[in-house]
Amino acid sequence: MLTKLEKDNLEIFVLATLRNAPSYGYKIIADLEPIVKISESTLYPILRRLEDRGQLETYSVETNGRLRKYFRITQVGINRVNEFKEDLENIRNIFSYILRNS
């Protein structure tokens, strides 16, 4: 079962995974497994939303006689990940302040 924090950040997890290299659905699921368990029925709607927003793009590669759909992060997606990282830094600073002063 996904926690609220995991659910709220699934799109960022997917985009961050794709920052390393383009990938396909099954591999994205496997790459995310150490931090979050995600099913195909959860992943593919996320991938479609990200593509609709211009945060990733797709292309196909023939593998063993079949076309495999790959997903690649765009600059818009990279910008979203960078904004998220900045937000995390701000939150980290707030928590540090609270811990130091309580």
N, C-alpha and C. Protein backbone atom coordinates (compact mmCIF):
# COMPACT_ATOMS: atom_id res chain seq x y z
N MET A 1 0.85 -1.19 0.00
CA MET A 1 0.00 0.00 0.00
C MET A 1 0.89 1.25 0.00
N LEU A 2 0.56 2.19 -0.84
CA LEU A 2 1.35 3.40 -0.93
C LEU A 2 0.97 4.37 0.18
N THR A 3 1.98 4.95 0.80
CA THR A 3 1.71 5.99 1.78
C THR A 3 1.34 7.27 1.05
N LYS A 4 0.76 8.22 1.75
CA LYS A 4 0.39 9.50 1.14
C LYS A 4 1.62 10.19 0.55
N LEU A 5 2.73 10.17 1.27
CA LEU A 5 3.95 10.80 0.77
C LEU A 5 4.39 10.16 -0.54
N GLU A 6 4.33 8.84 -0.62
CA GLU A 6 4.71 8.15 -1.85
C GLU A 6 3.76 8.52 -2.99
N LYS A 7 2.46 8.46 -2.72
CA LYS A 7 1.46 8.79 -3.76
C LYS A 7 1.64 10.21 -4.27
N ASP A 8 1.88 11.13 -3.36
CA ASP A 8 2.00 12.53 -3.74
C ASP A 8 3.24 12.80 -4.58
N ASN A 9 4.20 11.90 -4.55
CA ASN A 9 5.47 12.16 -5.23
C ASN A 9 5.81 11.15 -6.32
N LEU A 10 4.86 10.32 -6.72
CA LEU A 10 5.14 9.30 -7.73
C LEU A 10 5.65 9.91 -9.04
N GLU A 11 5.05 11.02 -9.46
CA GLU A 11 5.50 11.64 -10.72
C GLU A 11 6.96 12.08 -10.61
N ILE A 12 7.33 12.65 -9.48
CA ILE A 12 8.72 13.07 -9.28
C ILE A 12 9.64 11.85 -9.27
N PHE A 13 9.22 10.76 -8.61
CA PHE A 13 10.04 9.55 -8.60
C PHE A 13 10.30 9.07 -10.02
N VAL A 14 9.26 9.07 -10.85
CA VAL A 14 9.40 8.61 -12.23
C VAL A 14 10.33 9.55 -13.01
N LEU A 15 10.11 10.84 -12.89
CA LEU A 15 10.97 11.80 -13.60
C LEU A 15 12.42 11.67 -13.15
N ALA A 16 12.64 11.53 -11.85
CA ALA A 16 14.01 11.40 -11.34
C ALA A 16 14.67 10.13 -11.88
N THR A 17 13.91 9.06 -12.00
CA THR A 17 14.43 7.82 -12.57
C THR A 17 14.86 8.03 -14.02
N LEU A 18 14.06 8.79 -14.76
CA LEU A 18 14.35 9.02 -16.17
C LEU A 18 15.47 10.04 -16.39
N ARG A 19 15.86 10.75 -15.35
CA ARG A 19 17.00 11.68 -15.50
C ARG A 19 18.28 10.93 -15.81
N ASN A 20 18.40 9.72 -15.31
CA ASN A 20 19.60 8.92 -15.53
C ASN A 20 19.73 8.46 -16.98
N ALA A 21 18.61 8.01 -17.54
CA ALA A 21 18.61 7.50 -18.92
C ALA A 21 17.17 7.20 -19.32
N PRO A 22 16.89 7.25 -20.62
CA PRO A 22 15.57 6.82 -21.08
C PRO A 22 15.32 5.38 -20.63
N SER A 23 14.06 5.03 -20.47
CA SER A 23 13.74 3.70 -20.00
C SER A 23 12.35 3.30 -20.47
N TYR A 24 11.97 2.07 -20.18
CA TYR A 24 10.66 1.54 -20.55
C TYR A 24 9.94 1.12 -19.27
N GLY A 25 8.65 0.90 -19.38
CA GLY A 25 7.80 0.68 -18.22
C GLY A 25 8.30 -0.32 -17.21
N TYR A 26 8.57 -1.56 -17.65
CA TYR A 26 8.99 -2.60 -16.71
C TYR A 26 10.27 -2.21 -15.98
N LYS A 27 11.20 -1.60 -16.69
CA LYS A 27 12.47 -1.20 -16.05
C LYS A 27 12.25 -0.06 -15.07
N ILE A 28 11.36 0.87 -15.39
CA ILE A 28 11.06 1.96 -14.46
C ILE A 28 10.51 1.37 -13.16
N ILE A 29 9.60 0.41 -13.28
CA ILE A 29 9.05 -0.25 -12.09
C ILE A 29 10.17 -0.90 -11.28
N ALA A 30 11.06 -1.60 -11.96
CA ALA A 30 12.17 -2.28 -11.27
C ALA A 30 13.11 -1.26 -10.62
N ASP A 31 13.38 -0.16 -11.31
CA ASP A 31 14.28 0.86 -10.76
C ASP A 31 13.68 1.54 -9.53
N LEU A 32 12.36 1.69 -9.52
CA LEU A 32 11.69 2.34 -8.38
C LEU A 32 11.48 1.41 -7.19
N GLU A 33 11.58 0.11 -7.43
CA GLU A 33 11.26 -0.87 -6.39
C GLU A 33 11.97 -0.64 -5.05
N PRO A 34 13.23 -0.21 -5.03
CA PRO A 34 13.86 0.01 -3.72
C PRO A 34 13.21 1.12 -2.88
N ILE A 35 12.52 2.06 -3.53
CA ILE A 35 11.91 3.15 -2.75
C ILE A 35 10.40 3.09 -2.70
N VAL A 36 9.77 2.52 -3.73
CA VAL A 36 8.31 2.46 -3.75
C VAL A 36 7.87 1.31 -4.65
N LYS A 37 6.87 0.59 -4.21
CA LYS A 37 6.29 -0.48 -5.02
C LYS A 37 5.20 0.16 -5.87
N ILE A 38 5.29 -0.02 -7.19
CA ILE A 38 4.34 0.59 -8.11
C ILE A 38 3.96 -0.45 -9.16
N SER A 39 2.69 -0.51 -9.50
CA SER A 39 2.22 -1.47 -10.49
C SER A 39 2.14 -0.81 -11.86
N GLU A 40 2.01 -1.64 -12.88
CA GLU A 40 1.85 -1.11 -14.24
C GLU A 40 0.59 -0.27 -14.34
N SER A 41 -0.48 -0.69 -13.65
CA SER A 41 -1.74 0.05 -13.73
C SER A 41 -1.64 1.42 -13.07
N THR A 42 -0.65 1.61 -12.22
CA THR A 42 -0.39 2.92 -11.62
C THR A 42 0.60 3.70 -12.47
N LEU A 43 1.62 3.02 -12.97
CA LEU A 43 2.69 3.70 -13.71
C LEU A 43 2.22 4.31 -15.03
N TYR A 44 1.50 3.54 -15.83
CA TYR A 44 1.19 4.02 -17.18
C TYR A 44 0.31 5.27 -17.22
N PRO A 45 -0.67 5.42 -16.34
CA PRO A 45 -1.38 6.71 -16.31
C PRO A 45 -0.47 7.88 -15.92
N ILE A 46 0.49 7.63 -15.05
CA ILE A 46 1.46 8.67 -14.67
C ILE A 46 2.30 9.05 -15.88
N LEU A 47 2.77 8.06 -16.61
CA LEU A 47 3.58 8.33 -17.80
C LEU A 47 2.78 9.13 -18.84
N ARG A 48 1.51 8.80 -19.02
CA ARG A 48 0.67 9.54 -19.97
C ARG A 48 0.49 10.99 -19.51
N ARG A 49 0.25 11.20 -18.21
CA ARG A 49 0.10 12.57 -17.70
C ARG A 49 1.37 13.38 -17.92
N LEU A 50 2.50 12.77 -17.60
CA LEU A 50 3.78 13.47 -17.77
C LEU A 50 4.03 13.80 -19.23
N GLU A 51 3.67 12.90 -20.12
CA GLU A 51 3.83 13.17 -21.55
C GLU A 51 2.89 14.29 -21.99
N ASP A 52 1.64 14.25 -21.52
CA ASP A 52 0.67 15.29 -21.86
C ASP A 52 1.14 16.67 -21.41
N ARG A 53 1.88 16.72 -20.30
CA ARG A 53 2.39 17.99 -19.77
C ARG A 53 3.73 18.40 -20.39
N GLY A 54 4.24 17.58 -21.29
CA GLY A 54 5.51 17.89 -21.94
C GLY A 54 6.72 17.61 -21.07
N GLN A 55 6.56 16.82 -20.00
CA GLN A 55 7.67 16.54 -19.10
C GLN A 55 8.46 15.31 -19.51
N LEU A 56 7.88 14.53 -20.40
CA LEU A 56 8.63 13.44 -21.01
C LEU A 56 8.11 13.22 -22.41
N GLU A 57 8.91 12.48 -23.18
CA GLU A 57 8.53 12.15 -24.55
C GLU A 57 8.79 10.67 -24.77
N THR A 58 8.17 10.11 -25.79
CA THR A 58 8.29 8.68 -26.05
C THR A 58 8.89 8.43 -27.43
N TYR A 59 9.47 7.27 -27.54
CA TYR A 59 9.93 6.77 -28.83
C TYR A 59 9.97 5.26 -28.73
N SER A 60 10.00 4.58 -29.86
CA SER A 60 9.96 3.12 -29.87
C SER A 60 11.26 2.56 -30.42
N VAL A 61 11.65 1.41 -29.87
CA VAL A 61 12.84 0.70 -30.30
C VAL A 61 12.44 -0.76 -30.49
N GLU A 62 12.87 -1.35 -31.60
CA GLU A 62 12.57 -2.76 -31.82
C GLU A 62 13.51 -3.62 -30.98
N THR A 63 12.92 -4.51 -30.21
CA THR A 63 13.67 -5.41 -29.35
C THR A 63 13.09 -6.81 -29.52
N ASN A 64 13.89 -7.76 -29.97
CA ASN A 64 13.44 -9.13 -30.18
C ASN A 64 12.19 -9.19 -31.05
N GLY A 65 12.16 -8.41 -32.11
CA GLY A 65 11.04 -8.42 -33.03
C GLY A 65 9.81 -7.66 -32.58
N ARG A 66 9.88 -7.02 -31.43
CA ARG A 66 8.75 -6.25 -30.90
C ARG A 66 9.17 -4.80 -30.71
N LEU A 67 8.21 -3.92 -30.82
CA LEU A 67 8.50 -2.51 -30.52
C LEU A 67 8.33 -2.28 -29.03
N ARG A 68 9.35 -1.71 -28.43
CA ARG A 68 9.31 -1.37 -27.00
C ARG A 68 9.24 0.15 -26.90
N LYS A 69 8.28 0.64 -26.13
CA LYS A 69 8.10 2.08 -25.96
C LYS A 69 9.02 2.58 -24.85
N TYR A 70 9.86 3.54 -25.20
CA TYR A 70 10.78 4.16 -24.25
C TYR A 70 10.28 5.56 -23.88
N PHE A 71 10.64 5.97 -22.68
CA PHE A 71 10.28 7.28 -22.17
C PHE A 71 11.56 8.04 -21.86
N ARG A 72 11.59 9.31 -22.27
CA ARG A 72 12.77 10.16 -22.08
C ARG A 72 12.30 11.48 -21.46
N ILE A 73 12.99 11.93 -20.42
CA ILE A 73 12.64 13.18 -19.76
C ILE A 73 12.99 14.35 -20.67
N THR A 74 12.16 15.39 -20.65
CA THR A 74 12.41 16.60 -21.43
C THR A 74 12.98 17.67 -20.50
N GLN A 75 13.34 18.80 -21.06
CA GLN A 75 13.83 19.91 -20.25
C GLN A 75 12.76 20.37 -19.27
N VAL A 76 11.51 20.33 -19.69
CA VAL A 76 10.40 20.70 -18.79
C VAL A 76 10.37 19.77 -17.59
N GLY A 77 10.57 18.48 -17.82
CA GLY A 77 10.62 17.50 -16.73
C GLY A 77 11.82 17.71 -15.83
N ILE A 78 12.96 18.00 -16.42
CA ILE A 78 14.17 18.28 -15.64
C ILE A 78 13.94 19.50 -14.76
N ASN A 79 13.31 20.53 -15.33
CA ASN A 79 13.00 21.72 -14.53
C ASN A 79 12.10 21.39 -13.35
N ARG A 80 11.13 20.51 -13.57
CA ARG A 80 10.23 20.13 -12.47
C ARG A 80 11.00 19.42 -11.36
N VAL A 81 11.89 18.52 -11.72
CA VAL A 81 12.70 17.83 -10.71
C VAL A 81 13.56 18.84 -9.95
N ASN A 82 14.17 19.78 -10.67
CA ASN A 82 15.01 20.79 -10.02
C ASN A 82 14.20 21.66 -9.06
N GLU A 83 12.98 22.03 -9.45
CA GLU A 83 12.12 22.81 -8.57
C GLU A 83 11.77 22.01 -7.31
N PHE A 84 11.51 20.74 -7.48
CA PHE A 84 11.21 19.86 -6.35
C PHE A 84 12.41 19.80 -5.39
N LYS A 85 13.60 19.70 -5.97
CA LYS A 85 14.81 19.66 -5.13
C LYS A 85 14.98 20.96 -4.35
N GLU A 86 14.68 22.08 -4.98
CA GLU A 86 14.74 23.37 -4.27
C GLU A 86 13.73 23.42 -3.14
N ASP A 87 12.51 22.92 -3.40
CA ASP A 87 11.48 22.87 -2.36
C ASP A 87 11.95 22.00 -1.19
N LEU A 88 12.57 20.87 -1.50
CA LEU A 88 13.08 19.99 -0.45
C LEU A 88 14.13 20.69 0.40
N GLU A 89 15.00 21.45 -0.24
CA GLU A 89 16.03 22.18 0.49
C GLU A 89 15.40 23.20 1.44
N ASN A 90 14.36 23.88 0.97
CA ASN A 90 13.66 24.83 1.82
C ASN A 90 13.01 24.13 3.02
N ILE A 91 12.39 22.99 2.77
CA ILE A 91 11.77 22.23 3.86
C ILE A 91 12.84 21.76 4.84
N ARG A 92 13.97 21.29 4.32
CA ARG A 92 15.07 20.85 5.18
C ARG A 92 15.54 22.00 6.08
N ASN A 93 15.63 23.20 5.53
CA ASN A 93 16.04 24.37 6.32
C ASN A 93 15.02 24.68 7.41
N ILE A 94 13.75 24.57 7.09
CA ILE A 94 12.70 24.81 8.09
C ILE A 94 12.80 23.81 9.22
N PHE A 95 12.94 22.53 8.89
CA PHE A 95 13.05 21.51 9.93
C PHE A 95 14.30 21.70 10.77
N SER A 96 15.39 22.06 10.14
CA SER A 96 16.62 22.31 10.90
C SER A 96 16.42 23.45 11.88
N TYR A 97 15.76 24.50 11.43
CA TYR A 97 15.47 25.64 12.31
C TYR A 97 14.62 25.20 13.50
N ILE A 98 13.58 24.45 13.23
CA ILE A 98 12.70 23.98 14.31
C ILE A 98 13.46 23.11 15.28
N LEU A 99 14.28 22.21 14.79
CA LEU A 99 15.04 21.31 15.68
C LEU A 99 16.06 22.06 16.51
N ARG A 100 16.68 23.09 15.95
CA ARG A 100 17.66 23.87 16.69
C ARG A 100 17.00 24.73 17.77
N ASN A 101 15.77 25.14 17.55
CA ASN A 101 15.13 26.10 18.44
C ASN A 101 13.99 25.52 19.26
N SER A 102 14.01 24.23 19.47
CA SER A 102 12.95 23.65 20.30
C SER A 102 13.52 22.75 21.38
